[in-house]
C-alpha cells in the first residue's frame, strides 16, 4: 500500500486524526480517548492509528501503564504532511482575505455610485 493511501485511507477518519495532531502541538491521547473525541469505534481508531504508525506519521509510546499515541516528530513524512496542511490552510486563508477585500471594494464602489444619485 503506498504511503498516501496509508495516510489518508478510504475515509476521512485518517484526516481527522492527522488534523487533531496538526492543530494541537504536543497532543497525545490513547485509543479510547481518540475514539471518544472522534465519536467512532475503538476498532476504527485502532485501524487508523495502525495505518498512521506504519506510515511513520504517528508513534505509540508507553507512559506508566498506558499506551498513548503522539505525532512522530522525527518522521520526514510528518514534516511533509504538516507542511502540506499548512500550505493548504494558508491558501484557504489567503483566498478568504481576497474575498473580503473584493467584497469591500464592491461595497465601496456601489456606495459611491449610490451617493451620486
Protein backbone atom coordinates (compact mmCIF):
# COMPACT_ATOMS: atom_id res chain seq x y z
CA UNK A 1 0.00 0.00 0.00
CA UNK A 2 1.53 3.32 -0.93
CA UNK A 3 2.22 5.95 1.71
CA UNK A 4 -0.58 8.33 0.70
CA UNK A 5 -3.20 5.59 0.97
CA UNK A 6 -1.89 4.76 4.43
CA UNK A 7 -2.08 8.41 5.48
CA UNK A 8 -5.46 9.40 4.02
CA UNK A 9 -7.13 6.00 3.89
CA UNK A 10 -10.52 5.28 2.42
CA UNK A 11 -12.45 7.55 4.78
CA UNK A 12 -11.99 10.88 6.48
CA UNK A 13 -11.11 9.45 9.90
CA UNK A 14 -7.44 9.36 8.88
CA UNK A 15 -7.52 13.05 8.05
CA UNK A 16 -9.43 13.91 11.24
CA UNK A 17 -6.77 12.15 13.31
CA UNK A 18 -3.93 13.87 11.44
CA UNK A 19 -5.60 17.27 11.86
CA UNK A 20 -6.01 16.70 15.62
CA UNK A 21 -2.24 16.29 15.92
CA UNK A 22 -1.57 19.14 13.46
CA UNK A 23 -3.82 21.61 15.26
CA UNK A 24 -2.65 20.69 18.78
CA UNK A 25 1.14 20.75 19.05
CA UNK A 26 2.34 18.18 21.57
CA UNK A 27 -1.06 16.47 21.64
CA UNK A 28 -1.23 12.86 22.74
CA UNK A 29 -4.04 10.53 23.66
CA UNK A 30 -4.86 6.85 23.93
CA UNK A 31 -7.09 4.83 21.61
CA UNK A 32 -10.13 5.15 23.86
CA UNK A 33 -9.70 8.92 24.17
CA UNK A 34 -9.34 9.32 20.40
CA UNK A 35 -12.39 7.11 19.79
CA UNK A 36 -14.46 9.21 22.20
CA UNK A 37 -13.22 12.50 20.72
CA UNK A 38 -13.95 11.38 17.16
CA UNK A 39 -17.16 9.61 18.12
CA UNK A 40 -16.15 6.42 16.32
CA UNK A 41 -15.50 2.88 17.48
CA UNK A 42 -12.34 1.75 19.22
CA UNK A 43 -11.75 -0.73 16.35
CA UNK A 44 -11.96 2.03 13.73
CA UNK A 45 -9.48 4.22 15.58
CA UNK A 46 -7.12 1.26 16.09
CA UNK A 47 -7.09 0.59 12.31
CA UNK A 48 -6.43 4.26 11.53
CA UNK A 49 -3.67 4.51 14.16
CA UNK A 50 -2.05 1.32 12.81
CA UNK A 51 -2.00 2.83 9.30
CA UNK A 52 -0.54 6.13 10.51
CA UNK A 53 2.06 4.39 12.69
CA UNK A 54 3.03 2.15 9.73
CA UNK A 55 3.36 5.28 7.59
CA UNK A 56 5.62 6.89 10.19
CA UNK A 57 3.21 9.77 10.90
CA UNK A 58 2.35 8.76 14.47
CA UNK A 59 4.08 6.68 17.09
CA UNK A 60 2.88 4.75 20.08
CA UNK A 61 4.65 5.04 23.40
CA UNK A 62 4.11 3.81 26.92
CA UNK A 63 3.57 6.30 29.72
CA UNK A 64 3.19 4.48 33.00
CA UNK A 65 0.77 1.66 32.29
CA UNK A 66 -0.91 3.44 29.37
CA UNK A 67 -0.16 3.23 25.67
CA UNK A 68 -0.52 6.67 24.08
CA UNK A 69 -0.30 7.93 20.54
CA UNK A 70 1.54 11.08 19.52
CA UNK A 71 2.97 12.66 16.40
CA UNK A 72 6.27 11.16 15.23
CA UNK A 73 8.30 14.37 15.24
CA UNK A 74 11.30 12.56 13.76
CA UNK A 75 9.43 11.50 10.62
CA UNK A 76 10.14 13.27 7.33
CA UNK A 77 6.63 12.19 6.27
CA UNK A 78 5.10 14.02 9.23
CA UNK A 79 7.02 17.18 8.38
CA UNK A 80 5.97 16.98 4.73
CA UNK A 81 2.34 16.29 5.69
CA UNK A 82 2.23 19.16 8.19
CA UNK A 83 3.88 21.46 5.61
CA UNK A 84 1.20 20.41 3.12
CA UNK A 85 -1.61 21.06 5.62
CA UNK A 86 -0.07 24.44 6.45
CA UNK A 87 0.15 25.33 2.76
CA UNK A 88 -3.49 24.34 2.20
CA UNK A 89 -4.57 26.36 5.23
CA UNK A 90 -2.52 29.34 4.04
CA UNK A 91 -4.12 29.17 0.59
CA UNK A 92 -7.58 28.98 2.16
CA UNK A 93 -6.86 31.94 4.46
CA UNK A 94 -5.39 33.96 1.58
CA UNK A 95 -8.46 33.22 -0.54
CA UNK A 96 -10.72 34.33 2.32
CA UNK A 97 -8.81 37.62 2.66
CA UNK A 98 -9.03 38.18 -1.11
CA UNK A 99 -12.80 37.56 -1.00
CA UNK A 100 -13.21 40.08 1.85
CA UNK A 101 -11.15 42.72 0.03
CA UNK A 102 -13.08 42.15 -3.19
CA UNK A 103 -16.45 42.33 -1.41
CA UNK A 104 -15.47 45.53 0.42
CA UNK A 105 -14.22 47.08 -2.82
CA UNK A 106 -17.56 46.31 -4.46
CA UNK A 107 -19.46 47.70 -1.49
CA UNK A 108 -17.36 50.87 -1.56
CA UNK A 109 -17.82 51.29 -5.31
CA UNK A 110 -21.53 50.64 -5.05
CA UNK A 111 -21.80 53.09 -2.14
CA UNK A 112 -20.10 55.79 -4.18
CA UNK A 113 -22.42 55.19 -7.10
CA UNK A 114 -25.46 55.45 -4.82
CA UNK A 115 -24.13 58.64 -3.20
CA UNK A 116 -24.01 60.45 -6.55
CA UNK A 117 -27.67 59.84 -7.24
